[in-house]
Amino acid sequence: MQQRHINEIMLRLEQLSDTGAATIRTTELMNWYGQVRITVGIWRDLLAKWEELLERWGEDKDMPLLVSATYHGDTYIFIWGEGLTLTKDAWLEDIRDLAKNGKTRPRRTVKRQAS
């Protein structure tokens, strides 16, 4: 991975401390990691970078980083998980579960029904 890609990933993760949310397009992740699909290795590396930032900020290392994919799966939405509770049917997932369970795709947000 090129240094500029590492910098961009860290910038997006640091954005979470400022705004509480960040987005990364699927194509960006695949390009930065030199992959043709999203792999568990990508989730594990993102988790390691998240934990590194938490340590640097003096935050609890168990602070969740939540993620969901947009309906079409072309963008990932990352959320600062402090104080949020997840349920089995939640749109968001803790990135630790993706890194640990070998799942390569988070849940997708539900497409809105026309009224």
N, C-alpha and C. Protein backbone atom coordinates (compact mmCIF):
# COMPACT_ATOMS: atom_id res chain seq x y z
N MET A 1 0.84 -1.17 0.00
CA MET A 1 0.00 0.00 0.00
C MET A 1 0.90 1.24 0.00
N GLN A 2 0.53 2.21 -0.82
CA GLN A 2 1.30 3.44 -0.91
C GLN A 2 1.05 4.31 0.32
N GLN A 3 2.05 5.10 0.69
CA GLN A 3 1.93 5.96 1.87
C GLN A 3 0.76 6.93 1.75
N ARG A 4 0.51 7.45 0.56
CA ARG A 4 -0.60 8.39 0.40
C ARG A 4 -1.95 7.72 0.66
N HIS A 5 -2.05 6.40 0.39
CA HIS A 5 -3.28 5.68 0.68
C HIS A 5 -3.44 5.48 2.18
N ILE A 6 -2.35 5.17 2.86
CA ILE A 6 -2.39 5.05 4.33
C ILE A 6 -2.83 6.38 4.93
N ASN A 7 -2.26 7.47 4.43
CA ASN A 7 -2.63 8.79 4.92
C ASN A 7 -4.11 9.08 4.71
N GLU A 8 -4.63 8.70 3.56
CA GLU A 8 -6.05 8.95 3.26
C GLU A 8 -6.95 8.13 4.18
N ILE A 9 -6.59 6.88 4.43
CA ILE A 9 -7.37 6.04 5.35
C ILE A 9 -7.37 6.66 6.75
N MET A 10 -6.20 7.06 7.22
CA MET A 10 -6.10 7.66 8.55
C MET A 10 -6.90 8.96 8.62
N LEU A 11 -6.87 9.74 7.56
CA LEU A 11 -7.64 10.98 7.51
C LEU A 11 -9.14 10.70 7.64
N ARG A 12 -9.61 9.68 6.93
CA ARG A 12 -11.04 9.35 7.01
C ARG A 12 -11.41 8.87 8.41
N LEU A 13 -10.55 8.04 9.01
CA LEU A 13 -10.83 7.57 10.36
C LEU A 13 -10.76 8.71 11.37
N GLU A 14 -9.82 9.63 11.20
CA GLU A 14 -9.73 10.78 12.09
C GLU A 14 -10.94 11.69 11.95
N GLN A 15 -11.55 11.70 10.78
CA GLN A 15 -12.76 12.50 10.56
C GLN A 15 -13.86 12.07 11.53
N LEU A 16 -13.84 10.82 11.95
CA LEU A 16 -14.84 10.33 12.89
C LEU A 16 -14.81 11.10 14.20
N SER A 17 -13.63 11.50 14.65
CA SER A 17 -13.54 12.24 15.91
C SER A 17 -14.09 13.66 15.76
N ASP A 18 -14.07 14.21 14.55
CA ASP A 18 -14.58 15.56 14.31
C ASP A 18 -16.07 15.58 14.04
N THR A 19 -16.53 14.67 13.19
CA THR A 19 -17.92 14.74 12.74
C THR A 19 -18.78 13.56 13.20
N GLY A 20 -18.14 12.49 13.66
CA GLY A 20 -18.89 11.31 14.10
C GLY A 20 -19.18 10.32 12.98
N ALA A 21 -18.87 10.72 11.74
CA ALA A 21 -19.14 9.83 10.61
C ALA A 21 -18.14 10.10 9.49
N ALA A 22 -17.95 9.10 8.65
CA ALA A 22 -17.09 9.23 7.47
C ALA A 22 -17.56 8.21 6.44
N THR A 23 -17.28 8.50 5.20
CA THR A 23 -17.62 7.55 4.13
C THR A 23 -16.37 7.21 3.34
N ILE A 24 -16.36 5.97 2.86
CA ILE A 24 -15.29 5.51 1.96
C ILE A 24 -15.97 4.69 0.87
N ARG A 25 -15.70 5.02 -0.36
CA ARG A 25 -16.26 4.25 -1.48
C ARG A 25 -15.57 2.90 -1.59
N THR A 26 -16.32 1.91 -1.97
CA THR A 26 -15.79 0.55 -2.13
C THR A 26 -14.61 0.55 -3.10
N THR A 27 -14.71 1.29 -4.18
CA THR A 27 -13.63 1.32 -5.17
C THR A 27 -12.36 1.93 -4.58
N GLU A 28 -12.51 2.91 -3.68
CA GLU A 28 -11.34 3.49 -3.03
C GLU A 28 -10.63 2.43 -2.19
N LEU A 29 -11.38 1.71 -1.37
CA LEU A 29 -10.78 0.68 -0.52
C LEU A 29 -10.05 -0.36 -1.36
N MET A 30 -10.68 -0.83 -2.43
CA MET A 30 -10.05 -1.84 -3.26
C MET A 30 -8.78 -1.30 -3.91
N ASN A 31 -8.81 -0.05 -4.34
CA ASN A 31 -7.63 0.57 -4.94
C ASN A 31 -6.52 0.74 -3.91
N TRP A 32 -6.85 1.27 -2.75
CA TRP A 32 -5.83 1.51 -1.72
C TRP A 32 -5.16 0.22 -1.29
N TYR A 33 -5.95 -0.85 -1.18
CA TYR A 33 -5.40 -2.13 -0.71
C TYR A 33 -4.94 -3.03 -1.85
N GLY A 34 -5.11 -2.61 -3.10
CA GLY A 34 -4.67 -3.41 -4.24
C GLY A 34 -5.46 -4.70 -4.38
N GLN A 35 -6.76 -4.65 -4.09
CA GLN A 35 -7.61 -5.84 -4.14
C GLN A 35 -8.70 -5.67 -5.21
N VAL A 36 -9.25 -6.77 -5.66
CA VAL A 36 -10.34 -6.71 -6.63
C VAL A 36 -11.70 -6.90 -5.93
N ARG A 37 -11.65 -7.20 -4.62
CA ARG A 37 -12.87 -7.29 -3.82
C ARG A 37 -12.51 -6.95 -2.38
N ILE A 38 -13.53 -6.66 -1.59
CA ILE A 38 -13.30 -6.37 -0.18
C ILE A 38 -13.04 -7.68 0.55
N THR A 39 -11.95 -7.73 1.29
CA THR A 39 -11.55 -8.96 1.98
C THR A 39 -11.55 -8.75 3.49
N VAL A 40 -11.52 -9.84 4.22
CA VAL A 40 -11.45 -9.76 5.68
C VAL A 40 -10.14 -9.08 6.11
N GLY A 41 -9.10 -9.22 5.32
CA GLY A 41 -7.84 -8.56 5.62
C GLY A 41 -7.97 -7.04 5.64
N ILE A 42 -8.81 -6.51 4.77
CA ILE A 42 -9.06 -5.06 4.76
C ILE A 42 -9.73 -4.65 6.06
N TRP A 43 -10.76 -5.39 6.48
CA TRP A 43 -11.45 -5.07 7.74
C TRP A 43 -10.49 -5.17 8.92
N ARG A 44 -9.62 -6.15 8.91
CA ARG A 44 -8.66 -6.31 10.01
C ARG A 44 -7.68 -5.14 10.05
N ASP A 45 -7.24 -4.69 8.89
CA ASP A 45 -6.31 -3.57 8.85
C ASP A 45 -6.99 -2.28 9.29
N LEU A 46 -8.24 -2.06 8.84
CA LEU A 46 -8.98 -0.88 9.28
C LEU A 46 -9.18 -0.90 10.79
N LEU A 47 -9.48 -2.06 11.34
CA LEU A 47 -9.65 -2.19 12.79
C LEU A 47 -8.34 -1.85 13.51
N ALA A 48 -7.22 -2.34 13.01
CA ALA A 48 -5.92 -2.05 13.64
C ALA A 48 -5.63 -0.55 13.60
N LYS A 49 -5.93 0.10 12.49
CA LYS A 49 -5.71 1.54 12.38
C LYS A 49 -6.65 2.30 13.32
N TRP A 50 -7.89 1.84 13.45
CA TRP A 50 -8.86 2.45 14.36
C TRP A 50 -8.36 2.34 15.80
N GLU A 51 -7.89 1.17 16.18
CA GLU A 51 -7.40 0.96 17.55
C GLU A 51 -6.15 1.81 17.81
N GLU A 52 -5.32 1.99 16.79
CA GLU A 52 -4.14 2.85 16.92
C GLU A 52 -4.56 4.29 17.21
N LEU A 53 -5.57 4.77 16.49
CA LEU A 53 -6.06 6.13 16.72
C LEU A 53 -6.68 6.27 18.10
N LEU A 54 -7.47 5.28 18.52
CA LEU A 54 -8.09 5.34 19.84
C LEU A 54 -7.03 5.46 20.93
N GLU A 55 -5.96 4.69 20.78
CA GLU A 55 -4.87 4.73 21.75
C GLU A 55 -4.21 6.12 21.75
N ARG A 56 -3.99 6.66 20.57
CA ARG A 56 -3.38 7.98 20.46
C ARG A 56 -4.26 9.06 21.09
N TRP A 57 -5.58 8.92 20.93
CA TRP A 57 -6.53 9.90 21.49
C TRP A 57 -6.80 9.67 22.97
N GLY A 58 -6.31 8.57 23.53
CA GLY A 58 -6.58 8.25 24.93
C GLY A 58 -7.99 7.74 25.16
N GLU A 59 -8.60 7.21 24.13
CA GLU A 59 -9.96 6.67 24.22
C GLU A 59 -9.90 5.18 24.57
N ASP A 60 -11.01 4.68 25.05
CA ASP A 60 -11.15 3.26 25.36
C ASP A 60 -10.96 2.45 24.08
N LYS A 61 -10.08 1.47 24.12
CA LYS A 61 -9.79 0.66 22.92
C LYS A 61 -11.00 -0.15 22.47
N ASP A 62 -12.00 -0.30 23.34
CA ASP A 62 -13.21 -1.03 22.97
C ASP A 62 -14.27 -0.15 22.33
N MET A 63 -13.95 1.12 22.08
CA MET A 63 -14.89 2.03 21.42
C MET A 63 -15.21 1.46 20.04
N PRO A 64 -16.48 1.16 19.77
CA PRO A 64 -16.79 0.53 18.49
C PRO A 64 -16.68 1.48 17.30
N LEU A 65 -16.24 0.92 16.20
CA LEU A 65 -16.30 1.58 14.90
C LEU A 65 -17.39 0.84 14.15
N LEU A 66 -18.48 1.53 13.87
CA LEU A 66 -19.62 0.91 13.22
C LEU A 66 -19.59 1.19 11.73
N VAL A 67 -20.09 0.24 10.96
CA VAL A 67 -20.05 0.38 9.51
C VAL A 67 -21.33 -0.20 8.91
N SER A 68 -21.73 0.40 7.81
CA SER A 68 -22.85 -0.11 7.01
C SER A 68 -22.54 0.21 5.56
N ALA A 69 -23.09 -0.57 4.68
CA ALA A 69 -22.93 -0.30 3.25
C ALA A 69 -24.20 0.38 2.75
N THR A 70 -24.06 1.28 1.79
CA THR A 70 -25.25 1.86 1.18
C THR A 70 -26.01 0.77 0.45
N TYR A 71 -27.23 1.06 0.07
CA TYR A 71 -28.09 0.05 -0.54
C TYR A 71 -27.43 -0.65 -1.72
N HIS A 72 -26.76 0.11 -2.56
CA HIS A 72 -26.11 -0.48 -3.73
C HIS A 72 -24.74 -1.07 -3.41
N GLY A 73 -24.27 -0.87 -2.18
CA GLY A 73 -22.99 -1.44 -1.77
C GLY A 73 -21.78 -0.73 -2.31
N ASP A 74 -21.95 0.49 -2.84
CA ASP A 74 -20.82 1.18 -3.44
C ASP A 74 -20.10 2.13 -2.47
N THR A 75 -20.67 2.33 -1.29
CA THR A 75 -20.07 3.22 -0.30
C THR A 75 -20.26 2.63 1.09
N TYR A 76 -19.23 2.74 1.92
CA TYR A 76 -19.33 2.33 3.31
C TYR A 76 -19.46 3.57 4.18
N ILE A 77 -20.35 3.50 5.14
CA ILE A 77 -20.58 4.58 6.08
C ILE A 77 -20.02 4.12 7.42
N PHE A 78 -19.08 4.88 7.96
CA PHE A 78 -18.47 4.56 9.25
C PHE A 78 -19.00 5.53 10.29
N ILE A 79 -19.34 5.02 11.47
CA ILE A 79 -19.93 5.82 12.54
C ILE A 79 -19.13 5.61 13.82
N TRP A 80 -18.86 6.70 14.53
CA TRP A 80 -18.25 6.64 15.87
C TRP A 80 -19.30 6.00 16.76
N GLY A 81 -19.01 4.85 17.35
CA GLY A 81 -20.02 4.05 18.02
C GLY A 81 -20.25 4.32 19.49
N GLU A 82 -19.68 5.39 20.04
CA GLU A 82 -19.83 5.65 21.47
C GLU A 82 -21.30 5.82 21.84
N GLY A 83 -21.74 5.02 22.82
CA GLY A 83 -23.09 5.12 23.34
C GLY A 83 -24.16 4.47 22.48
N LEU A 84 -23.80 3.91 21.37
CA LEU A 84 -24.79 3.27 20.50
C LEU A 84 -24.89 1.78 20.82
N THR A 85 -26.09 1.27 20.78
CA THR A 85 -26.33 -0.14 21.03
C THR A 85 -26.77 -0.80 19.73
N LEU A 86 -26.18 -1.94 19.43
CA LEU A 86 -26.53 -2.66 18.21
C LEU A 86 -27.53 -3.77 18.51
N THR A 87 -28.39 -4.04 17.55
CA THR A 87 -29.29 -5.18 17.64
C THR A 87 -28.98 -6.10 16.47
N LYS A 88 -29.57 -7.27 16.51
CA LYS A 88 -29.35 -8.26 15.45
C LYS A 88 -29.76 -7.72 14.08
N ASP A 89 -30.80 -6.89 14.03
CA ASP A 89 -31.32 -6.38 12.77
C ASP A 89 -30.86 -4.96 12.44
N ALA A 90 -29.90 -4.44 13.19
CA ALA A 90 -29.43 -3.07 12.98
C ALA A 90 -28.77 -2.94 11.60
N TRP A 91 -28.82 -1.74 11.05
CA TRP A 91 -28.16 -1.47 9.78
C TRP A 91 -26.65 -1.41 9.96
N LEU A 92 -26.21 -1.10 11.15
CA LEU A 92 -24.78 -0.95 11.42
C LEU A 92 -24.22 -2.21 12.05
N GLU A 93 -22.94 -2.45 11.80
CA GLU A 93 -22.22 -3.56 12.42
C GLU A 93 -20.91 -3.05 12.98
N ASP A 94 -20.46 -3.68 14.04
CA ASP A 94 -19.15 -3.35 14.61
C ASP A 94 -18.08 -3.95 13.70
N ILE A 95 -17.12 -3.14 13.32
CA ILE A 95 -16.06 -3.61 12.41
C ILE A 95 -15.29 -4.79 13.02
N ARG A 96 -15.27 -4.88 14.36
CA ARG A 96 -14.60 -6.01 15.00
C ARG A 96 -15.23 -7.33 14.60
N ASP A 97 -16.56 -7.32 14.42
CA ASP A 97 -17.24 -8.55 14.01
C ASP A 97 -16.86 -8.94 12.59
N LEU A 98 -16.72 -7.95 11.71
CA LEU A 98 -16.30 -8.25 10.33
C LEU A 98 -14.88 -8.78 10.31
N ALA A 99 -14.00 -8.19 11.13
CA ALA A 99 -12.60 -8.61 11.17
C ALA A 99 -12.44 -9.99 11.79
N LYS A 100 -13.29 -10.29 12.76
CA LYS A 100 -13.16 -11.55 13.50
C LYS A 100 -13.85 -12.71 12.79
N ASN A 101 -15.01 -12.46 12.24
CA ASN A 101 -15.83 -13.54 11.70
C ASN A 101 -15.56 -13.87 10.24
N GLY A 102 -14.67 -13.14 9.62
CA GLY A 102 -14.34 -13.43 8.23
C GLY A 102 -15.41 -13.01 7.24
N LYS A 103 -16.36 -12.18 7.70
CA LYS A 103 -17.41 -11.68 6.82
C LYS A 103 -16.83 -10.53 6.01
N THR A 104 -17.09 -10.51 4.72
CA THR A 104 -16.47 -9.48 3.88
C THR A 104 -17.41 -8.33 3.55
N ARG A 105 -18.68 -8.46 3.83
CA ARG A 105 -19.63 -7.39 3.53
C ARG A 105 -20.49 -7.08 4.74
N PRO A 106 -20.55 -5.80 5.14
CA PRO A 106 -21.49 -5.44 6.21
C PRO A 106 -22.91 -5.40 5.67
N ARG A 107 -23.85 -5.32 6.58
CA ARG A 107 -25.25 -5.20 6.16
C ARG A 107 -25.43 -3.95 5.34
N ARG A 108 -26.43 -3.99 4.49
CA ARG A 108 -26.75 -2.81 3.69
C ARG A 108 -27.94 -2.10 4.29
N THR A 109 -27.95 -0.81 4.11
CA THR A 109 -29.10 -0.05 4.55
C THR A 109 -30.30 -0.46 3.71
N VAL A 110 -31.45 -0.35 4.27
CA VAL A 110 -32.68 -0.78 3.59
C VAL A 110 -33.08 0.28 2.58
N LYS A 111 -33.47 -0.17 1.41
CA LYS A 111 -33.93 0.75 0.39
C LYS A 111 -35.29 1.29 0.80
N ARG A 112 -35.44 2.59 0.69
CA ARG A 112 -36.72 3.20 1.06
C ARG A 112 -37.81 2.81 0.09
N GLN A 113 -38.97 2.56 0.66
CA GLN A 113 -40.14 2.23 -0.14
C GLN A 113 -40.80 3.54 -0.62
N ALA A 114 -41.26 3.55 -1.83
CA ALA A 114 -41.99 4.73 -2.33
C ALA A 114 -43.30 4.85 -1.59
N SER A 115 -43.67 6.10 -1.24
CA SER A 115 -44.91 6.28 -0.48
C SER A 115 -46.11 6.44 -1.35
